[in-house]
Amino acid sequence: MKRLLGFIYGVIAYAGFMGWMVYMVGFLGHFAVPKSVDSGSVGPVGIAVLVNFLMILIFGVQHTLMARPAFKQW
């Protein structure tokens, strides 16, 4: 029974992943999906660069702090 449930779970996980991949192909290729990568509104470049910079900064700070031995011990 455990083996059958594991197999069913694997099939469902694989099907979900393949569905996501097909959607991403459509999203990036501009077909068969309701919204594509280029269908959003265009905003100021300066704000986009600032937001991207802040997101990278937050990611870097978080991972730098998490790599410290004190954090790992905590």
N, C-alpha and C. Protein backbone atom coordinates (compact mmCIF):
# COMPACT_ATOMS: atom_id res chain seq x y z
N MET A 1 0.83 -1.20 0.00
CA MET A 1 0.00 0.00 0.00
C MET A 1 0.87 1.26 0.00
N LYS A 2 1.94 1.26 0.83
CA LYS A 2 2.84 2.43 0.87
C LYS A 2 3.48 2.66 -0.49
N ARG A 3 3.84 1.57 -1.13
CA ARG A 3 4.50 1.68 -2.43
C ARG A 3 3.56 2.29 -3.47
N LEU A 4 2.30 1.87 -3.44
CA LEU A 4 1.31 2.40 -4.38
C LEU A 4 1.05 3.89 -4.12
N LEU A 5 0.93 4.26 -2.85
CA LEU A 5 0.73 5.68 -2.52
C LEU A 5 1.93 6.52 -2.93
N GLY A 6 3.13 5.99 -2.74
CA GLY A 6 4.34 6.70 -3.18
C GLY A 6 4.36 6.89 -4.68
N PHE A 7 3.94 5.85 -5.41
CA PHE A 7 3.89 5.95 -6.87
C PHE A 7 2.87 6.99 -7.32
N ILE A 8 1.68 6.96 -6.71
CA ILE A 8 0.63 7.93 -7.05
C ILE A 8 1.10 9.35 -6.75
N TYR A 9 1.74 9.53 -5.61
CA TYR A 9 2.27 10.85 -5.26
C TYR A 9 3.30 11.30 -6.30
N GLY A 10 4.17 10.40 -6.70
CA GLY A 10 5.18 10.73 -7.71
C GLY A 10 4.56 11.13 -9.03
N VAL A 11 3.52 10.40 -9.45
CA VAL A 11 2.84 10.72 -10.71
C VAL A 11 2.18 12.10 -10.62
N ILE A 12 1.53 12.39 -9.51
CA ILE A 12 0.87 13.69 -9.33
C ILE A 12 1.91 14.82 -9.31
N ALA A 13 3.03 14.61 -8.59
CA ALA A 13 4.08 15.62 -8.53
C ALA A 13 4.69 15.85 -9.92
N TYR A 14 4.92 14.78 -10.67
CA TYR A 14 5.48 14.90 -12.01
C TYR A 14 4.52 15.63 -12.94
N ALA A 15 3.23 15.28 -12.86
CA ALA A 15 2.23 15.94 -13.70
C ALA A 15 2.12 17.43 -13.36
N GLY A 16 2.17 17.75 -12.07
CA GLY A 16 2.14 19.16 -11.67
C GLY A 16 3.34 19.92 -12.19
N PHE A 17 4.51 19.32 -12.09
CA PHE A 17 5.72 19.97 -12.59
C PHE A 17 5.65 20.16 -14.10
N MET A 18 5.19 19.15 -14.82
CA MET A 18 5.10 19.27 -16.27
C MET A 18 4.07 20.33 -16.67
N GLY A 19 2.96 20.41 -15.94
CA GLY A 19 1.97 21.46 -16.21
C GLY A 19 2.57 22.84 -16.00
N TRP A 20 3.35 22.99 -14.93
CA TRP A 20 4.01 24.26 -14.67
C TRP A 20 5.00 24.60 -15.77
N MET A 21 5.76 23.61 -16.23
CA MET A 21 6.74 23.85 -17.29
C MET A 21 6.06 24.26 -18.60
N VAL A 22 4.97 23.60 -18.94
CA VAL A 22 4.24 23.95 -20.16
C VAL A 22 3.70 25.37 -20.05
N TYR A 23 3.18 25.74 -18.88
CA TYR A 23 2.69 27.10 -18.68
C TYR A 23 3.84 28.11 -18.83
N MET A 24 5.01 27.79 -18.28
CA MET A 24 6.14 28.71 -18.38
C MET A 24 6.60 28.89 -19.82
N VAL A 25 6.55 27.83 -20.61
CA VAL A 25 6.90 27.94 -22.03
C VAL A 25 5.92 28.90 -22.71
N GLY A 26 4.64 28.75 -22.42
CA GLY A 26 3.65 29.66 -22.98
C GLY A 26 3.82 31.08 -22.47
N PHE A 27 4.15 31.24 -21.20
CA PHE A 27 4.35 32.55 -20.60
C PHE A 27 5.52 33.27 -21.26
N LEU A 28 6.61 32.55 -21.48
CA LEU A 28 7.79 33.17 -22.09
C LEU A 28 7.67 33.28 -23.60
N GLY A 29 6.89 32.39 -24.22
CA GLY A 29 6.77 32.39 -25.67
C GLY A 29 5.57 33.16 -26.19
N HIS A 30 4.77 33.73 -25.32
CA HIS A 30 3.62 34.57 -25.69
C HIS A 30 2.52 33.80 -26.42
N PHE A 31 2.20 32.58 -25.98
CA PHE A 31 1.08 31.86 -26.59
C PHE A 31 0.39 30.94 -25.59
N ALA A 32 -0.91 30.75 -25.78
CA ALA A 32 -1.76 29.80 -25.06
C ALA A 32 -1.89 30.07 -23.56
N VAL A 33 -1.54 31.25 -23.10
CA VAL A 33 -1.74 31.61 -21.69
C VAL A 33 -2.36 33.00 -21.63
N PRO A 34 -3.13 33.31 -20.58
CA PRO A 34 -3.82 34.60 -20.53
C PRO A 34 -2.88 35.80 -20.34
N LYS A 35 -1.71 35.59 -19.76
CA LYS A 35 -0.79 36.71 -19.50
C LYS A 35 0.62 36.23 -19.83
N SER A 36 1.36 37.05 -20.58
CA SER A 36 2.72 36.66 -20.94
C SER A 36 3.71 37.62 -20.28
N VAL A 37 4.98 37.34 -20.48
CA VAL A 37 6.03 38.10 -19.82
C VAL A 37 6.04 39.57 -20.25
N ASP A 38 5.60 39.85 -21.46
CA ASP A 38 5.62 41.22 -21.96
C ASP A 38 4.27 41.92 -21.89
N SER A 39 3.29 41.34 -21.21
CA SER A 39 1.97 41.95 -21.22
C SER A 39 1.72 42.88 -20.03
N GLY A 40 2.70 43.08 -19.18
CA GLY A 40 2.54 43.96 -18.03
C GLY A 40 2.67 45.42 -18.41
N SER A 41 2.38 46.28 -17.46
CA SER A 41 2.51 47.71 -17.73
C SER A 41 3.98 48.13 -17.63
N VAL A 42 4.32 49.15 -18.36
CA VAL A 42 5.69 49.65 -18.38
C VAL A 42 5.78 50.82 -17.40
N GLY A 43 6.81 50.79 -16.55
CA GLY A 43 7.00 51.85 -15.57
C GLY A 43 8.35 52.50 -15.75
N PRO A 44 8.68 53.43 -14.88
CA PRO A 44 9.97 54.12 -14.99
C PRO A 44 11.14 53.15 -14.73
N VAL A 45 12.19 53.30 -15.52
CA VAL A 45 13.35 52.42 -15.41
C VAL A 45 14.06 52.62 -14.08
N GLY A 46 14.14 53.85 -13.61
CA GLY A 46 14.84 54.12 -12.36
C GLY A 46 14.23 53.39 -11.17
N ILE A 47 12.92 53.37 -11.10
CA ILE A 47 12.24 52.67 -9.99
C ILE A 47 12.47 51.17 -10.12
N ALA A 48 12.42 50.64 -11.34
CA ALA A 48 12.66 49.21 -11.55
C ALA A 48 14.07 48.82 -11.12
N VAL A 49 15.04 49.64 -11.47
CA VAL A 49 16.43 49.36 -11.07
C VAL A 49 16.57 49.44 -9.56
N LEU A 50 15.96 50.43 -8.93
CA LEU A 50 16.02 50.56 -7.48
C LEU A 50 15.39 49.36 -6.78
N VAL A 51 14.23 48.93 -7.23
CA VAL A 51 13.55 47.78 -6.63
C VAL A 51 14.41 46.52 -6.80
N ASN A 52 14.95 46.31 -7.99
CA ASN A 52 15.80 45.15 -8.21
C ASN A 52 17.03 45.19 -7.32
N PHE A 53 17.65 46.35 -7.19
CA PHE A 53 18.82 46.49 -6.33
C PHE A 53 18.48 46.18 -4.88
N LEU A 54 17.36 46.71 -4.39
CA LEU A 54 16.97 46.46 -3.01
C LEU A 54 16.65 44.99 -2.76
N MET A 55 16.03 44.33 -3.72
CA MET A 55 15.74 42.91 -3.56
C MET A 55 17.02 42.09 -3.50
N ILE A 56 17.98 42.40 -4.36
CA ILE A 56 19.27 41.69 -4.34
C ILE A 56 20.00 41.99 -3.04
N LEU A 57 19.93 43.22 -2.55
CA LEU A 57 20.58 43.60 -1.30
C LEU A 57 19.98 42.83 -0.12
N ILE A 58 18.66 42.77 -0.06
CA ILE A 58 17.99 42.03 1.02
C ILE A 58 18.36 40.55 0.97
N PHE A 59 18.36 39.98 -0.22
CA PHE A 59 18.74 38.58 -0.38
C PHE A 59 20.17 38.34 0.10
N GLY A 60 21.08 39.24 -0.30
CA GLY A 60 22.48 39.10 0.09
C GLY A 60 22.69 39.25 1.59
N VAL A 61 22.03 40.22 2.19
CA VAL A 61 22.17 40.42 3.64
C VAL A 61 21.62 39.22 4.40
N GLN A 62 20.47 38.74 3.99
CA GLN A 62 19.86 37.59 4.67
C GLN A 62 20.79 36.39 4.60
N HIS A 63 21.31 36.09 3.43
CA HIS A 63 22.16 34.91 3.30
C HIS A 63 23.53 35.11 3.94
N THR A 64 24.00 36.33 4.00
CA THR A 64 25.26 36.58 4.69
C THR A 64 25.09 36.35 6.19
N LEU A 65 23.99 36.83 6.75
CA LEU A 65 23.74 36.63 8.18
C LEU A 65 23.48 35.17 8.50
N MET A 66 22.78 34.49 7.65
CA MET A 66 22.45 33.09 7.92
C MET A 66 23.68 32.18 7.80
N ALA A 67 24.73 32.63 7.12
CA ALA A 67 25.93 31.82 6.98
C ALA A 67 26.84 31.92 8.19
N ARG A 68 26.59 32.83 9.09
CA ARG A 68 27.44 33.02 10.28
C ARG A 68 27.24 31.88 11.27
N PRO A 69 28.31 31.46 11.94
CA PRO A 69 28.22 30.39 12.91
C PRO A 69 27.23 30.68 14.05
N ALA A 70 27.15 31.93 14.48
CA ALA A 70 26.23 32.26 15.56
C ALA A 70 24.78 32.00 15.15
N PHE A 71 24.44 32.33 13.92
CA PHE A 71 23.07 32.08 13.45
C PHE A 71 22.81 30.59 13.35
N LYS A 72 23.78 29.85 12.82
CA LYS A 72 23.62 28.40 12.68
C LYS A 72 23.46 27.73 14.04
N GLN A 73 24.18 28.24 15.04
CA GLN A 73 24.08 27.66 16.38
C GLN A 73 22.72 27.98 16.98
N TRP A 74 22.22 29.19 16.74
CA TRP A 74 20.95 29.64 17.28
C TRP A 74 19.84 28.80 16.69
